Amino acid sequence: IRAARQMQQEYGVRQGVDIRIIKRIPVAAGLAGGSINAAAVLMGVNRLWRLRLSQKQLVRHAARLGSDVVFFMYDTSFALGTGRGEKIRPLKLGVKLWHVLVTPKVKMYTKEVFACLARKAKSLKLTKKRDNVNICLPYLRKSDFQGLGAVLSNGLESSILSLRPDLLRLKKKLSDAGAAGVCFSGSGPSVFALASCRAQAESIKDGF
């Protein structure tokens, strides 16, 4: 709704639109479901209302809605996000990754996780991390899944675990199952396990 209204107001559109969402992934699971819905609406009303906006213009609107909305404006499997995550550089990588995604039956709202992060930031002297997402790229290019798994990280993990410390058991269970790496997806509670091949992914899945 915010995406459609933003476009109406920006371009003086008097038309409306009926939107029906068929949700195939859990809500509030850290899987960017709301963000991809927003991106789809931006692209949809651009065609429906014949606004003829370029991708660059649509990206500008996407960045106003949310940092990760921009990723879905690009037809790419891999991309490097910088800034707040809204500056996207598509990456041409021939690698195929196999994951096992586990979503516990609990909801975590991004706003609450970031509020927890803000509280932590006030009480801690934060240092700039030397390692950022670029450290993953050499391992991706070489299909080195063990190396990639070792450097996976999520800056929101400590906040997620502050709110739901029981989720640490889930991470451990996936690690013990032989995953190359385990990490929270977005603001949680979903956790993904990186497998080295389809057979290993199936084996980990069977354990759940």
C-alpha atoms as a PDB file:
ATOM      1  CA  ILE A   1       0.000   0.000   0.000  1.00  0.00           C
ATOM      2  CA  ARG A   2       2.823   2.390   0.850  1.00  0.00           C
ATOM      3  CA  ALA A   3       4.488   1.639  -2.493  1.00  0.00           C
ATOM      4  CA  ALA A   4       1.317   2.311  -4.486  1.00  0.00           C
ATOM      5  CA  ARG A   5       0.477   5.497  -2.569  1.00  0.00           C
ATOM      6  CA  GLN A   6       4.010   6.794  -2.969  1.00  0.00           C
ATOM      7  CA  MET A   7       3.709   6.467  -6.742  1.00  0.00           C
ATOM      8  CA  GLN A   8       0.230   8.029  -6.794  1.00  0.00           C
ATOM      9  CA  GLN A   9       1.372  11.065  -4.862  1.00  0.00           C
ATOM     10  CA  GLU A  10       4.644  11.515  -6.749  1.00  0.00           C
ATOM     11  CA  TYR A  11       3.053  11.449 -10.208  1.00  0.00           C
ATOM     12  CA  GLY A  12      -0.457  12.750  -9.516  1.00  0.00           C
ATOM     13  CA  VAL A  13      -2.081   9.435 -10.459  1.00  0.00           C
ATOM     14  CA  ARG A  14      -5.850   9.426  -9.967  1.00  0.00           C
ATOM     15  CA  GLN A  15      -6.268   5.736 -10.793  1.00  0.00           C
ATOM     16  CA  GLY A  16      -6.398   3.101  -8.081  1.00  0.00           C
ATOM     17  CA  VAL A  17      -5.288  -0.506  -8.038  1.00  0.00           C
ATOM     18  CA  ASP A  18      -6.542  -3.755  -6.525  1.00  0.00           C
ATOM     19  CA  ILE A  19      -3.743  -5.710  -4.851  1.00  0.00           C
ATOM     20  CA  ARG A  20      -4.041  -9.326  -3.761  1.00  0.00           C
ATOM     21  CA  ILE A  21      -1.072 -10.952  -2.064  1.00  0.00           C
ATOM     22  CA  ILE A  22      -0.686 -14.729  -2.141  1.00  0.00           C
ATOM     23  CA  LYS A  23       1.840 -15.370   0.622  1.00  0.00           C
ATOM     24  CA  ARG A  24       3.878 -18.549   0.183  1.00  0.00           C
ATOM     25  CA  ILE A  25       6.465 -17.790   2.855  1.00  0.00           C
ATOM     26  CA  PRO A  26       5.961 -17.119   6.579  1.00  0.00           C
ATOM     27  CA  VAL A  27       5.309 -13.535   7.702  1.00  0.00           C
ATOM     28  CA  ALA A  28       7.830 -11.811  10.019  1.00  0.00           C
ATOM     29  CA  ALA A  29      10.406 -14.526   9.320  1.00  0.00           C
ATOM     30  CA  GLY A  30      13.351 -12.408   8.121  1.00  0.00           C
ATOM     31  CA  LEU A  31      12.875 -13.481   4.497  1.00  0.00           C
ATOM     32  CA  ALA A  32      12.194 -10.016   2.985  1.00  0.00           C
ATOM     33  CA  GLY A  33       8.653 -10.982   1.997  1.00  0.00           C
ATOM     34  CA  GLY A  34       7.308  -7.470   2.541  1.00  0.00           C
ATOM     35  CA  SER A  35      10.205  -5.970   0.587  1.00  0.00           C
ATOM     36  CA  ILE A  36       9.670  -8.127  -2.476  1.00  0.00           C
ATOM     37  CA  ASN A  37       5.937  -7.338  -2.360  1.00  0.00           C
ATOM     38  CA  ALA A  38       6.783  -3.621  -2.376  1.00  0.00           C
ATOM     39  CA  ALA A  39       9.166  -4.085  -5.324  1.00  0.00           C
ATOM     40  CA  ALA A  40       6.517  -6.012  -7.269  1.00  0.00           C
ATOM     41  CA  VAL A  41       3.972  -3.233  -6.696  1.00  0.00           C
ATOM     42  CA  LEU A  42       6.413  -0.555  -7.906  1.00  0.00           C
ATOM     43  CA  MET A  43       7.073  -2.467 -11.123  1.00  0.00           C
ATOM     44  CA  GLY A  44       3.410  -3.412 -11.492  1.00  0.00           C
ATOM     45  CA  VAL A  45       1.902   0.068 -11.177  1.00  0.00           C
ATOM     46  CA  ASN A  46       4.631   1.451 -13.443  1.00  0.00           C
ATOM     47  CA  ARG A  47       3.203  -0.738 -16.202  1.00  0.00           C
ATOM     48  CA  LEU A  48      -0.458  -0.523 -15.169  1.00  0.00           C
ATOM     49  CA  TRP A  49      -0.498   3.272 -14.953  1.00  0.00           C
ATOM     50  CA  ARG A  50       1.854   3.641 -17.966  1.00  0.00           C
ATOM     51  CA  LEU A  51       4.285   5.804 -16.011  1.00  0.00           C
ATOM     52  CA  ARG A  52       7.219   4.685 -18.209  1.00  0.00           C
ATOM     53  CA  LEU A  53       9.723   5.088 -15.406  1.00  0.00           C
ATOM     54  CA  SER A  54      13.251   3.821 -15.920  1.00  0.00           C
ATOM     55  CA  GLN A  55      14.872   1.268 -13.641  1.00  0.00           C
ATOM     56  CA  LYS A  56      16.954   4.074 -12.128  1.00  0.00           C
ATOM     57  CA  GLN A  57      13.802   5.991 -11.215  1.00  0.00           C
ATOM     58  CA  LEU A  58      12.140   2.879  -9.779  1.00  0.00           C
ATOM     59  CA  VAL A  59      15.253   2.145  -7.703  1.00  0.00           C
ATOM     60  CA  ARG A  60      15.003   5.626  -6.188  1.00  0.00           C
ATOM     61  CA  HIS A  61      11.426   4.888  -5.092  1.00  0.00           C
ATOM     62  CA  ALA A  62      12.443   1.468  -3.772  1.00  0.00           C
ATOM     63  CA  ALA A  63      15.194   2.986  -1.592  1.00  0.00           C
ATOM     64  CA  ARG A  64      12.624   5.274   0.043  1.00  0.00           C
ATOM     65  CA  LEU A  65      10.505   2.269   1.025  1.00  0.00           C
ATOM     66  CA  GLY A  66      13.282   0.172   2.547  1.00  0.00           C
ATOM     67  CA  SER A  67      16.954  -0.647   2.145  1.00  0.00           C
ATOM     68  CA  ASP A  68      16.447  -4.199   0.875  1.00  0.00           C
ATOM     69  CA  VAL A  69      13.580  -3.368  -1.506  1.00  0.00           C
ATOM     70  CA  VAL A  70      16.156  -2.214  -4.058  1.00  0.00           C
ATOM     71  CA  PHE A  71      17.709  -5.676  -4.475  1.00  0.00           C
ATOM     72  CA  PHE A  72      14.454  -6.999  -5.951  1.00  0.00           C
ATOM     73  CA  MET A  73      14.461  -4.346  -8.682  1.00  0.00           C
ATOM     74  CA  TYR A  74      17.338  -6.248 -10.300  1.00  0.00           C
ATOM     75  CA  ASP A  75      17.038  -9.580 -12.091  1.00  0.00           C
ATOM     76  CA  THR A  76      20.058 -11.146 -10.452  1.00  0.00           C
ATOM     77  CA  SER A  77      20.796 -14.052  -8.121  1.00  0.00           C
ATOM     78  CA  PHE A  78      23.822 -12.403  -6.516  1.00  0.00           C
ATOM     79  CA  ALA A  79      24.484  -8.760  -5.757  1.00  0.00           C
ATOM     80  CA  LEU A  80      26.644  -6.673  -3.469  1.00  0.00           C
ATOM     81  CA  GLY A  81      24.697  -4.172  -1.369  1.00  0.00           C
ATOM     82  CA  THR A  82      26.489  -1.150   0.095  1.00  0.00           C
ATOM     83  CA  GLY A  83      25.414   2.035   1.858  1.00  0.00           C
ATOM     84  CA  ARG A  84      22.306   1.044   3.803  1.00  0.00           C
ATOM     85  CA  GLY A  85      22.021  -1.901   1.448  1.00  0.00           C
ATOM     86  CA  GLU A  86      20.256   0.219  -1.145  1.00  0.00           C
ATOM     87  CA  LYS A  87      23.268   0.592  -3.494  1.00  0.00           C
ATOM     88  CA  ILE A  88      23.228  -2.598  -5.527  1.00  0.00           C
ATOM     89  CA  ARG A  89      25.948  -3.997  -7.766  1.00  0.00           C
ATOM     90  CA  PRO A  90      24.824  -7.203  -9.532  1.00  0.00           C
ATOM     91  CA  LEU A  91      27.460  -9.949  -9.533  1.00  0.00           C
ATOM     92  CA  LYS A  92      27.927 -12.530 -12.268  1.00  0.00           C
ATOM     93  CA  LEU A  93      28.762 -15.695 -10.379  1.00  0.00           C
ATOM     94  CA  GLY A  94      28.299 -19.125 -11.918  1.00  0.00           C
ATOM     95  CA  VAL A  95      28.081 -20.901  -8.569  1.00  0.00           C
ATOM     96  CA  LYS A  96      24.932 -22.697  -7.371  1.00  0.00           C
ATOM     97  CA  LEU A  97      24.302 -22.712  -3.634  1.00  0.00           C
ATOM     98  CA  TRP A  98      22.225 -25.275  -1.774  1.00  0.00           C
ATOM     99  CA  HIS A  99      20.556 -24.196   1.448  1.00  0.00           C
ATOM    100  CA  VAL A 100      18.289 -25.627   4.082  1.00  0.00           C
ATOM    101  CA  LEU A 101      16.016 -22.941   5.486  1.00  0.00           C
ATOM    102  CA  VAL A 102      14.376 -23.464   8.881  1.00  0.00           C
ATOM    103  CA  THR A 103      11.711 -21.038  10.095  1.00  0.00           C
ATOM    104  CA  PRO A 104      10.585 -21.563  13.695  1.00  0.00           C
ATOM    105  CA  LYS A 105       6.930 -20.904  14.486  1.00  0.00           C
ATOM    106  CA  VAL A 106       7.668 -17.560  16.107  1.00  0.00           C
ATOM    107  CA  LYS A 107       7.464 -14.058  14.629  1.00  0.00           C
ATOM    108  CA  MET A 108      10.206 -11.472  14.895  1.00  0.00           C
ATOM    109  CA  TYR A 109       9.522  -7.947  13.740  1.00  0.00           C
ATOM    110  CA  THR A 110      12.348  -6.000  12.142  1.00  0.00           C
ATOM    111  CA  LYS A 111      11.448  -2.865  14.103  1.00  0.00           C
ATOM    112  CA  GLU A 112      11.909  -4.682  17.436  1.00  0.00           C
ATOM    113  CA  VAL A 113      15.233  -6.227  16.405  1.00  0.00           C
ATOM    114  CA  PHE A 114      16.627  -2.855  15.288  1.00  0.00           C
ATOM    115  CA  ALA A 115      15.373  -1.212  18.493  1.00  0.00           C
ATOM    116  CA  CYS A 116      17.345  -3.827  20.429  1.00  0.00           C
ATOM    117  CA  LEU A 117      20.406  -3.119  18.260  1.00  0.00           C
ATOM    118  CA  ALA A 118      20.066   0.621  18.984  1.00  0.00           C
ATOM    119  CA  ARG A 119      19.966  -0.038  22.727  1.00  0.00           C
ATOM    120  CA  LYS A 120      23.109  -2.176  22.469  1.00  0.00           C
ATOM    121  CA  ALA A 121      24.879   0.524  20.447  1.00  0.00           C
ATOM    122  CA  LYS A 122      24.332   3.047  23.248  1.00  0.00           C
ATOM    123  CA  SER A 123      25.909   0.769  25.834  1.00  0.00           C
ATOM    124  CA  LEU A 124      28.851  -0.414  23.726  1.00  0.00           C
ATOM    125  CA  LYS A 125      31.781   1.339  22.137  1.00  0.00           C
ATOM    126  CA  LEU A 126      31.411   0.104  18.588  1.00  0.00           C
ATOM    127  CA  THR A 127      34.431  -0.474  16.377  1.00  0.00           C
ATOM    128  CA  LYS A 128      34.305  -0.658  12.627  1.00  0.00           C
ATOM    129  CA  LYS A 129      34.544  -4.222  11.382  1.00  0.00           C
ATOM    130  CA  ARG A 130      37.437  -4.848   9.037  1.00  0.00           C
ATOM    131  CA  ASP A 131      35.627  -7.759   7.484  1.00  0.00           C
ATOM    132  CA  ASN A 132      32.522  -6.927   5.481  1.00  0.00           C
ATOM    133  CA  VAL A 133      30.544  -8.824   2.877  1.00  0.00           C
ATOM    134  CA  ASN A 134      33.415  -8.518   0.376  1.00  0.00           C
ATOM    135  CA  ILE A 135      35.221 -11.248   2.297  1.00  0.00           C
ATOM    136  CA  CYS A 136      32.646 -13.733   0.954  1.00  0.00           C
ATOM    137  CA  LEU A 137      33.365 -13.052  -2.715  1.00  0.00           C
ATOM    138  CA  PRO A 138      36.620 -15.031  -3.184  1.00  0.00           C
ATOM    139  CA  TYR A 139      34.996 -18.104  -1.620  1.00  0.00           C
ATOM    140  CA  LEU A 140      31.917 -17.737  -3.831  1.00  0.00           C
ATOM    141  CA  ARG A 141      34.030 -17.421  -6.966  1.00  0.00           C
ATOM    142  CA  LYS A 142      35.985 -20.584  -6.067  1.00  0.00           C
ATOM    143  CA  SER A 143      32.887 -22.514  -4.882  1.00  0.00           C
ATOM    144  CA  ASP A 144      34.701 -22.965  -1.568  1.00  0.00           C
ATOM    145  CA  PHE A 145      31.666 -23.742   0.588  1.00  0.00           C
ATOM    146  CA  GLN A 146      33.593 -24.489   3.780  1.00  0.00           C
ATOM    147  CA  GLY A 147      35.487 -21.212   3.493  1.00  0.00           C
ATOM    148  CA  LEU A 148      32.280 -19.336   2.737  1.00  0.00           C
ATOM    149  CA  GLY A 149      30.482 -20.959   5.656  1.00  0.00           C
ATOM    150  CA  ALA A 150      33.243 -19.908   8.035  1.00  0.00           C
ATOM    151  CA  VAL A 151      32.872 -16.195   7.202  1.00  0.00           C
ATOM    152  CA  LEU A 152      29.067 -15.964   7.166  1.00  0.00           C
ATOM    153  CA  SER A 153      27.834 -13.400   9.660  1.00  0.00           C
ATOM    154  CA  ASN A 154      24.790 -11.297  10.442  1.00  0.00           C
ATOM    155  CA  GLY A 155      25.183  -8.042  12.371  1.00  0.00           C
ATOM    156  CA  LEU A 156      21.718  -8.492  13.860  1.00  0.00           C
ATOM    157  CA  GLU A 157      22.469 -11.880  15.432  1.00  0.00           C
ATOM    158  CA  SER A 158      23.226 -10.587  18.940  1.00  0.00           C
ATOM    159  CA  SER A 159      19.980  -8.599  18.942  1.00  0.00           C
ATOM    160  CA  ILE A 160      17.987 -11.583  17.666  1.00  0.00           C
ATOM    161  CA  LEU A 161      19.436 -13.802  20.397  1.00  0.00           C
ATOM    162  CA  SER A 162      18.798 -11.142  23.053  1.00  0.00           C
ATOM    163  CA  LEU A 163      15.117 -11.353  22.162  1.00  0.00           C
ATOM    164  CA  ARG A 164      15.020 -15.125  21.560  1.00  0.00           C
ATOM    165  CA  PRO A 165      18.036 -16.871  23.149  1.00  0.00           C
ATOM    166  CA  ASP A 166      16.395 -20.256  22.502  1.00  0.00           C
ATOM    167  CA  LEU A 167      17.151 -19.857  18.779  1.00  0.00           C
ATOM    168  CA  LEU A 168      20.804 -20.596  19.467  1.00  0.00           C
ATOM    169  CA  ARG A 169      19.808 -24.263  19.836  1.00  0.00           C
ATOM    170  CA  LEU A 170      18.524 -24.232  16.271  1.00  0.00           C
ATOM    171  CA  LYS A 171      21.801 -22.867  14.940  1.00  0.00           C
ATOM    172  CA  LYS A 172      23.728 -25.534  16.856  1.00  0.00           C
ATOM    173  CA  LYS A 173      21.487 -28.318  15.578  1.00  0.00           C
ATOM    174  CA  LEU A 174      22.114 -27.260  11.969  1.00  0.00           C
ATOM    175  CA  SER A 175      25.862 -26.986  12.575  1.00  0.00           C
ATOM    176  CA  ASP A 176      25.939 -30.410  14.205  1.00  0.00           C
ATOM    177  CA  ALA A 177      24.129 -31.806  11.143  1.00  0.00           C
ATOM    178  CA  GLY A 178      27.209 -31.012   9.074  1.00  0.00           C
ATOM    179  CA  ALA A 179      26.295 -27.703   7.427  1.00  0.00           C
ATOM    180  CA  ALA A 180      29.187 -25.774   5.897  1.00  0.00           C
ATOM    181  CA  GLY A 181      27.867 -22.625   7.577  1.00  0.00           C
ATOM    182  CA  VAL A 182      24.827 -21.454   9.513  1.00  0.00           C
ATOM    183  CA  CYS A 183      23.439 -17.944   9.766  1.00  0.00           C
ATOM    184  CA  PHE A 184      20.276 -16.012  10.571  1.00  0.00           C
ATOM    185  CA  SER A 185      18.348 -14.668   7.613  1.00  0.00           C
ATOM    186  CA  GLY A 186      17.669 -10.946   7.896  1.00  0.00           C
ATOM    187  CA  SER A 187      16.200  -9.996  11.258  1.00  0.00           C
ATOM    188  CA  GLY A 188      15.285 -13.620  12.040  1.00  0.00           C
ATOM    189  CA  PRO A 189      13.967 -15.951  13.242  1.00  0.00           C
ATOM    190  CA  SER A 190      14.686 -17.974  10.067  1.00  0.00           C
ATOM    191  CA  VAL A 191      18.052 -19.710   9.993  1.00  0.00           C
ATOM    192  CA  PHE A 192      19.722 -21.017   6.845  1.00  0.00           C
ATOM    193  CA  ALA A 193      22.308 -23.744   6.593  1.00  0.00           C
ATOM    194  CA  LEU A 194      24.739 -23.716   3.680  1.00  0.00           C
ATOM    195  CA  ALA A 195      25.324 -27.156   2.206  1.00  0.00           C
ATOM    196  CA  SER A 196      28.145 -28.225  -0.101  1.00  0.00           C
ATOM    197  CA  CYS A 197      25.824 -30.095  -2.487  1.00  0.00           C
ATOM    198  CA  ARG A 198      22.221 -31.160  -2.956  1.00  0.00           C
ATOM    199  CA  ALA A 199      22.781 -34.550  -1.310  1.00  0.00           C
ATOM    200  CA  GLN A 200      24.094 -32.897   1.851  1.00  0.00           C
ATOM    201  CA  ALA A 201      21.174 -30.449   1.851  1.00  0.00           C
ATOM    202  CA  GLU A 202      18.716 -33.345   1.584  1.00  0.00           C
ATOM    203  CA  SER A 203      20.504 -35.169   4.420  1.00  0.00           C
ATOM    204  CA  ILE A 204      20.292 -32.093   6.696  1.00  0.00           C
ATOM    205  CA  LYS A 205      16.624 -31.635   5.773  1.00  0.00           C
ATOM    206  CA  ASP A 206      15.858 -35.265   6.632  1.00  0.00           C
ATOM    207  CA  GLY A 207      17.278 -34.649  10.114  1.00  0.00           C
ATOM    208  CA  PHE A 208      14.520 -32.098  10.716  1.00  0.00           C
END
